[in-house]
PDB file of N, CA and C in Angstrom:
ATOM      1  N   MET A   1      86.543 167.102 243.115  1.00  0.00           N
ATOM      2  CA  MET A   1      86.531 168.448 243.661  1.00  0.00           C
ATOM      3  C   MET A   1      87.169 168.369 245.048  1.00  0.00           C
ATOM      4  N   ASN A   2      88.273 169.061 245.230  1.00  0.00           N
ATOM      5  CA  ASN A   2      88.965 169.112 246.518  1.00  0.00           C
ATOM      6  C   ASN A   2      88.564 170.400 247.224  1.00  0.00           C
ATOM      7  N   ILE A   3      87.705 170.280 248.225  1.00  0.00           N
ATOM      8  CA  ILE A   3      87.181 171.461 248.907  1.00  0.00           C
ATOM      9  C   ILE A   3      86.974 171.112 250.378  1.00  0.00           C
ATOM     10  N   HIS A   4      87.078 172.099 251.235  1.00  0.00           N
ATOM     11  CA  HIS A   4      86.930 171.867 252.673  1.00  0.00           C
ATOM     12  C   HIS A   4      86.284 173.086 253.315  1.00  0.00           C
ATOM     13  N   PRO A   5      85.832 172.954 254.570  1.00  0.00           N
ATOM     14  CA  PRO A   5      85.201 174.090 255.245  1.00  0.00           C
ATOM     15  C   PRO A   5      86.143 175.288 255.353  1.00  0.00           C
ATOM     16  N   VAL A   6      85.569 176.469 255.394  1.00  0.00           N
ATOM     17  CA  VAL A   6      86.329 177.704 255.611  1.00  0.00           C
ATOM     18  C   VAL A   6      86.403 177.891 257.121  1.00  0.00           C
ATOM     19  N   ARG A   7      87.617 177.744 257.674  1.00  0.00           N
ATOM     20  CA  ARG A   7      87.770 177.735 259.129  1.00  0.00           C
ATOM     21  C   ARG A   7      88.405 178.990 259.707  1.00  0.00           C
ATOM     22  N   ASN A   8      89.082 179.766 258.862  1.00  0.00           N
ATOM     23  CA  ASN A   8      89.772 180.944 259.390  1.00  0.00           C
ATOM     24  C   ASN A   8      89.808 182.040 258.327  1.00  0.00           C
ATOM     25  N   GLU A   9      90.334 183.196 258.729  1.00  0.00           N
ATOM     26  CA  GLU A   9      90.339 184.369 257.841  1.00  0.00           C
ATOM     27  C   GLU A   9      91.159 184.127 256.573  1.00  0.00           C
ATOM     28  N   GLN A  10      92.275 183.418 256.693  1.00  0.00           N
ATOM     29  CA  GLN A  10      93.119 183.136 255.523  1.00  0.00           C
ATOM     30  C   GLN A  10      92.359 182.278 254.507  1.00  0.00           C
ATOM     31  N   GLU A  11      91.681 181.249 254.977  1.00  0.00           N
ATOM     32  CA  GLU A  11      90.893 180.399 254.077  1.00  0.00           C
ATOM     33  C   GLU A  11      89.705 181.168 253.499  1.00  0.00           C
ATOM     34  N   TYR A  12      89.129 182.047 254.295  1.00  0.00           N
ATOM     35  CA  TYR A  12      88.023 182.893 253.838  1.00  0.00           C
ATOM     36  C   TYR A  12      88.477 183.792 252.691  1.00  0.00           C
ATOM     37  N   LEU A  13      89.620 184.446 252.868  1.00  0.00           N
ATOM     38  CA  LEU A  13      90.131 185.339 251.821  1.00  0.00           C
ATOM     39  C   LEU A  13      90.484 184.569 250.556  1.00  0.00           C
ATOM     40  N   ALA A  14      91.019 183.369 250.707  1.00  0.00           N
ATOM     41  CA  ALA A  14      91.337 182.539 249.541  1.00  0.00           C
ATOM     42  C   ALA A  14      90.057 182.133 248.805  1.00  0.00           C
ATOM     43  N   ALA A  15      89.028 181.771 249.551  1.00  0.00           N
ATOM     44  CA  ALA A  15      87.752 181.399 248.929  1.00  0.00           C
ATOM     45  C   ALA A  15      87.125 182.593 248.216  1.00  0.00           C
ATOM     46  N   LEU A  16      87.210 183.780 248.831  1.00  0.00           N
ATOM     47  CA  LEU A  16      86.684 184.989 248.184  1.00  0.00           C
ATOM     48  C   LEU A  16      87.426 185.285 246.885  1.00  0.00           C
ATOM     49  N   ALA A  17      88.737 185.114 246.900  1.00  0.00           N
ATOM     50  CA  ALA A  17      89.531 185.361 245.694  1.00  0.00           C
ATOM     51  C   ALA A  17      89.120 184.407 244.579  1.00  0.00           C
ATOM     52  N   GLU A  18      88.930 183.152 244.919  1.00  0.00           N
ATOM     53  CA  GLU A  18      88.511 182.180 243.909  1.00  0.00           C
ATOM     54  C   GLU A  18      87.102 182.489 243.404  1.00  0.00           C
ATOM     55  N   LEU A  19      86.212 182.855 244.311  1.00  0.00           N
ATOM     56  CA  LEU A  19      84.845 183.202 243.910  1.00  0.00           C
ATOM     57  C   LEU A  19      84.807 184.407 242.986  1.00  0.00           C
ATOM     58  N   SER A  20      85.643 185.395 243.248  1.00  0.00           N
ATOM     59  CA  SER A  20      85.610 186.623 242.443  1.00  0.00           C
ATOM     60  C   SER A  20      85.910 186.338 240.974  1.00  0.00           C
ATOM     61  N   ALA A  21      86.754 185.355 240.707  1.00  0.00           N
ATOM     62  CA  ALA A  21      87.046 184.990 239.315  1.00  0.00           C
ATOM     63  C   ALA A  21      85.795 184.447 238.622  1.00  0.00           C
ATOM     64  N   TYR A  22      84.959 183.746 239.358  1.00  0.00           N
ATOM     65  CA  TYR A  22      83.735 183.197 238.777  1.00  0.00           C
ATOM     66  C   TYR A  22      82.724 184.286 238.430  1.00  0.00           C
ATOM     67  N   PHE A  23      82.770 185.410 239.111  1.00  0.00           N
ATOM     68  CA  PHE A  23      81.820 186.482 238.807  1.00  0.00           C
ATOM     69  C   PHE A  23      82.115 187.120 237.451  1.00  0.00           C
ATOM     70  N   GLU A  24      83.355 187.054 237.015  1.00  0.00           N
ATOM     71  CA  GLU A  24      83.710 187.584 235.696  1.00  0.00           C
ATOM     72  C   GLU A  24      83.308 186.624 234.583  1.00  0.00           C
ATOM     73  N   ARG A  25      83.317 185.334 234.891  1.00  0.00           N
ATOM     74  CA  ARG A  25      82.948 184.308 233.913  1.00  0.00           C
ATOM     75  C   ARG A  25      82.191 183.219 234.669  1.00  0.00           C
ATOM     76  N   GLU A  26      80.891 183.457 234.853  1.00  0.00           N
ATOM     77  CA  GLU A  26      80.083 182.547 235.663  1.00  0.00           C
ATOM     78  C   GLU A  26      79.991 181.177 235.001  1.00  0.00           C
ATOM     79  N   PRO A  27      80.267 180.121 235.764  1.00  0.00           N
ATOM     80  CA  PRO A  27      80.236 178.776 235.179  1.00  0.00           C
ATOM     81  C   PRO A  27      78.808 178.293 234.926  1.00  0.00           C
ATOM     82  N   GLU A  28      78.688 177.341 234.032  1.00  0.00           N
ATOM     83  CA  GLU A  28      77.387 176.753 233.713  1.00  0.00           C
ATOM     84  C   GLU A  28      76.899 175.915 234.890  1.00  0.00           C
ATOM     85  N   PRO A  29      75.631 176.067 235.268  1.00  0.00           N
ATOM     86  CA  PRO A  29      75.075 175.221 236.332  1.00  0.00           C
ATOM     87  C   PRO A  29      75.156 173.745 235.945  1.00  0.00           C
ATOM     88  N   GLY A  30      75.437 172.900 236.933  1.00  0.00           N
ATOM     89  CA  GLY A  30      75.491 171.464 236.692  1.00  0.00           C
ATOM     90  C   GLY A  30      76.838 170.953 236.234  1.00  0.00           C
ATOM     91  N   THR A  31      77.765 171.863 235.911  1.00  0.00           N
ATOM     92  CA  THR A  31      79.110 171.442 235.546  1.00  0.00           C
ATOM     93  C   THR A  31      79.957 171.346 236.810  1.00  0.00           C
ATOM     94  N   GLU A  32      81.135 170.749 236.695  1.00  0.00           N
ATOM     95  CA  GLU A  32      82.027 170.659 237.851  1.00  0.00           C
ATOM     96  C   GLU A  32      82.391 172.052 238.366  1.00  0.00           C
ATOM     97  N   GLU A  33      82.663 172.976 237.453  1.00  0.00           N
ATOM     98  CA  GLU A  33      82.973 174.353 237.861  1.00  0.00           C
ATOM     99  C   GLU A  33      81.758 175.036 238.483  1.00  0.00           C
ATOM    100  N   GLY A  34      80.585 174.774 237.934  1.00  0.00           N
ATOM    101  CA  GLY A  34      79.358 175.334 238.498  1.00  0.00           C
ATOM    102  C   GLY A  34      79.099 174.819 239.904  1.00  0.00           C
ATOM    103  N   ASP A  35      79.347 173.528 240.103  1.00  0.00           N
ATOM    104  CA  ASP A  35      79.188 172.947 241.439  1.00  0.00           C
ATOM    105  C   ASP A  35      80.202 173.540 242.411  1.00  0.00           C
ATOM    106  N   ARG A  36      81.433 173.725 241.962  1.00  0.00           N
ATOM    107  CA  ARG A  36      82.465 174.315 242.821  1.00  0.00           C
ATOM    108  C   ARG A  36      82.071 175.739 243.220  1.00  0.00           C
ATOM    109  N   PHE A  37      81.567 176.502 242.273  1.00  0.00           N
ATOM    110  CA  PHE A  37      81.101 177.858 242.546  1.00  0.00           C
ATOM    111  C   PHE A  37      80.011 177.842 243.620  1.00  0.00           C
ATOM    112  N   ASP A  38      79.024 176.960 243.466  1.00  0.00           N
ATOM    113  CA  ASP A  38      77.925 176.874 244.432  1.00  0.00           C
ATOM    114  C   ASP A  38      78.427 176.507 245.826  1.00  0.00           C
ATOM    115  N   VAL A  39      79.325 175.529 245.900  1.00  0.00           N
ATOM    116  CA  VAL A  39      79.843 175.089 247.197  1.00  0.00           C
ATOM    117  C   VAL A  39      80.672 176.191 247.843  1.00  0.00           C
ATOM    118  N   LEU A  40      81.538 176.841 247.075  1.00  0.00           N
ATOM    119  CA  LEU A  40      82.343 177.940 247.629  1.00  0.00           C
ATOM    120  C   LEU A  40      81.458 179.069 248.139  1.00  0.00           C
ATOM    121  N   ALA A  41      80.441 179.420 247.380  1.00  0.00           N
ATOM    122  CA  ALA A  41      79.536 180.495 247.802  1.00  0.00           C
ATOM    123  C   ALA A  41      78.829 180.125 249.101  1.00  0.00           C
ATOM    124  N   THR A  42      78.419 178.872 249.230  1.00  0.00           N
ATOM    125  CA  THR A  42      77.760 178.412 250.450  1.00  0.00           C
ATOM    126  C   THR A  42      78.716 178.437 251.637  1.00  0.00           C
ATOM    127  N   LEU A  43      79.953 178.004 251.427  1.00  0.00           N
ATOM    128  CA  LEU A  43      80.944 178.017 252.504  1.00  0.00           C
ATOM    129  C   LEU A  43      81.268 179.439 252.953  1.00  0.00           C
ATOM    130  N   VAL A  44      81.411 180.342 252.006  1.00  0.00           N
ATOM    131  CA  VAL A  44      81.693 181.744 252.341  1.00  0.00           C
ATOM    132  C   VAL A  44      80.512 182.338 253.103  1.00  0.00           C
ATOM    133  N   GLU A  45      79.305 182.066 252.639  1.00  0.00           N
ATOM    134  CA  GLU A  45      78.111 182.580 253.315  1.00  0.00           C
ATOM    135  C   GLU A  45      78.036 182.070 254.759  1.00  0.00           C
ATOM    136  N   ALA A  46      78.329 180.789 254.968  1.00  0.00           N
ATOM    137  CA  ALA A  46      78.287 180.218 256.319  1.00  0.00           C
ATOM    138  C   ALA A  46      79.358 180.839 257.211  1.00  0.00           C
ATOM    139  N   TYR A  47      80.551 181.036 256.675  1.00  0.00           N
ATOM    140  CA  TYR A  47      81.629 181.652 257.457  1.00  0.00           C
ATOM    141  C   TYR A  47      81.263 183.081 257.836  1.00  0.00           C
ATOM    142  N   GLU A  48      80.731 183.835 256.887  1.00  0.00           N
ATOM    143  CA  GLU A  48      80.344 185.223 257.162  1.00  0.00           C
ATOM    144  C   GLU A  48      79.235 185.295 258.208  1.00  0.00           C
ATOM    145  N   ALA A  49      78.273 184.385 258.138  1.00  0.00           N
ATOM    146  CA  ALA A  49      77.178 184.390 259.114  1.00  0.00           C
ATOM    147  C   ALA A  49      77.697 184.111 260.523  1.00  0.00           C
ATOM    148  N   LYS A  50      78.704 183.248 260.607  1.00  0.00           N
ATOM    149  CA  LYS A  50      79.270 182.905 261.912  1.00  0.00           C
ATOM    150  C   LYS A  50      80.224 183.988 262.412  1.00  0.00           C
ATOM    151  N   ARG A  51      81.065 184.484 261.535  1.00  0.00           N
ATOM    152  CA  ARG A  51      82.130 185.420 261.923  1.00  0.00           C
ATOM    153  C   ARG A  51      81.652 186.869 261.979  1.00  0.00           C
ATOM    154  N   TYR A  52      80.737 187.243 261.099  1.00  0.00           N
ATOM    155  CA  TYR A  52      80.262 188.624 260.997  1.00  0.00           C
ATOM    156  C   TYR A  52      78.736 188.675 261.075  1.00  0.00           C
ATOM    157  N   PRO A  53      78.146 188.233 262.188  1.00  0.00           N
ATOM    158  CA  PRO A  53      76.677 188.213 262.266  1.00  0.00           C
ATOM    159  C   PRO A  53      76.093 189.622 262.226  1.00  0.00           C
ATOM    160  N   ILE A  54      74.923 189.718 261.651  1.00  0.00           N
ATOM    161  CA  ILE A  54      74.207 190.991 261.575  1.00  0.00           C
ATOM    162  C   ILE A  54      72.955 190.849 262.429  1.00  0.00           C
ATOM    163  N   ASP A  55      72.869 191.665 263.464  1.00  0.00           N
ATOM    164  CA  ASP A  55      71.709 191.625 264.346  1.00  0.00           C
ATOM    165  C   ASP A  55      70.493 192.217 263.643  1.00  0.00           C
ATOM    166  N   ALA A  56      69.330 191.728 264.028  1.00  0.00           N
ATOM    167  CA  ALA A  56      68.086 192.298 263.520  1.00  0.00           C
ATOM    168  C   ALA A  56      67.955 193.722 264.050  1.00  0.00           C
ATOM    169  N   PRO A  57      67.346 194.611 263.277  1.00  0.00           N
ATOM    170  CA  PRO A  57      67.187 195.990 263.757  1.00  0.00           C
ATOM    171  C   PRO A  57      66.281 196.041 264.985  1.00  0.00           C
ATOM    172  N   ALA A  58      66.539 196.996 265.835  1.00  0.00           N
ATOM    173  CA  ALA A  58      65.700 197.192 267.016  1.00  0.00           C
ATOM    174  C   ALA A  58      64.297 197.584 266.567  1.00  0.00           C
ATOM    175  N   GLU A  59      63.303 197.120 267.289  1.00  0.00           N
ATOM    176  CA  GLU A  59      61.916 197.418 266.908  1.00  0.00           C
ATOM    177  C   GLU A  59      61.654 198.915 266.852  1.00  0.00           C
ATOM    178  N   SER A  60      62.340 199.687 267.679  1.00  0.00           N
ATOM    179  CA  SER A  60      62.139 201.140 267.657  1.00  0.00           C
ATOM    180  C   SER A  60      62.617 201.748 266.342  1.00  0.00           C
ATOM    181  N   LEU A  61      63.520 201.051 265.656  1.00  0.00           N
ATOM    182  CA  LEU A  61      64.024 201.554 264.380  1.00  0.00           C
ATOM    183  C   LEU A  61      63.128 201.177 263.209  1.00  0.00           C
ATOM    184  N   ILE A  62      62.320 200.138 263.384  1.00  0.00           N
ATOM    185  CA  ILE A  62      61.481 199.701 262.267  1.00  0.00           C
ATOM    186  C   ILE A  62      60.024 200.125 262.436  1.00  0.00           C
ATOM    187  N   GLY A  63      59.743 200.930 263.429  1.00  0.00           N
ATOM    188  CA  GLY A  63      58.410 201.500 263.596  1.00  0.00           C
ATOM    189  C   GLY A  63      57.367 200.549 264.135  1.00  0.00           C
ATOM    190  N   ALA A  64      57.760 199.673 265.020  1.00  0.00           N
ATOM    191  CA  ALA A  64      56.795 198.704 265.576  1.00  0.00           C
ATOM    192  C   ALA A  64      55.867 199.312 266.579  1.00  0.00           C
TER     193      ALA A  64
END
């Protein structure tokens, strides 16, 4: 499996494109394709958390 961290927007978009194909035909867990799907999803999630963080709602909005 040739895979590397998602470091920029171009790599992020490429990883998303590859992931989207798996949603149409989800691979079997434990297979090489299943492992690739899991790793890509984890890399995309990590990139999104770093690049597009979502702040917790203000306490005044959640009725504290």
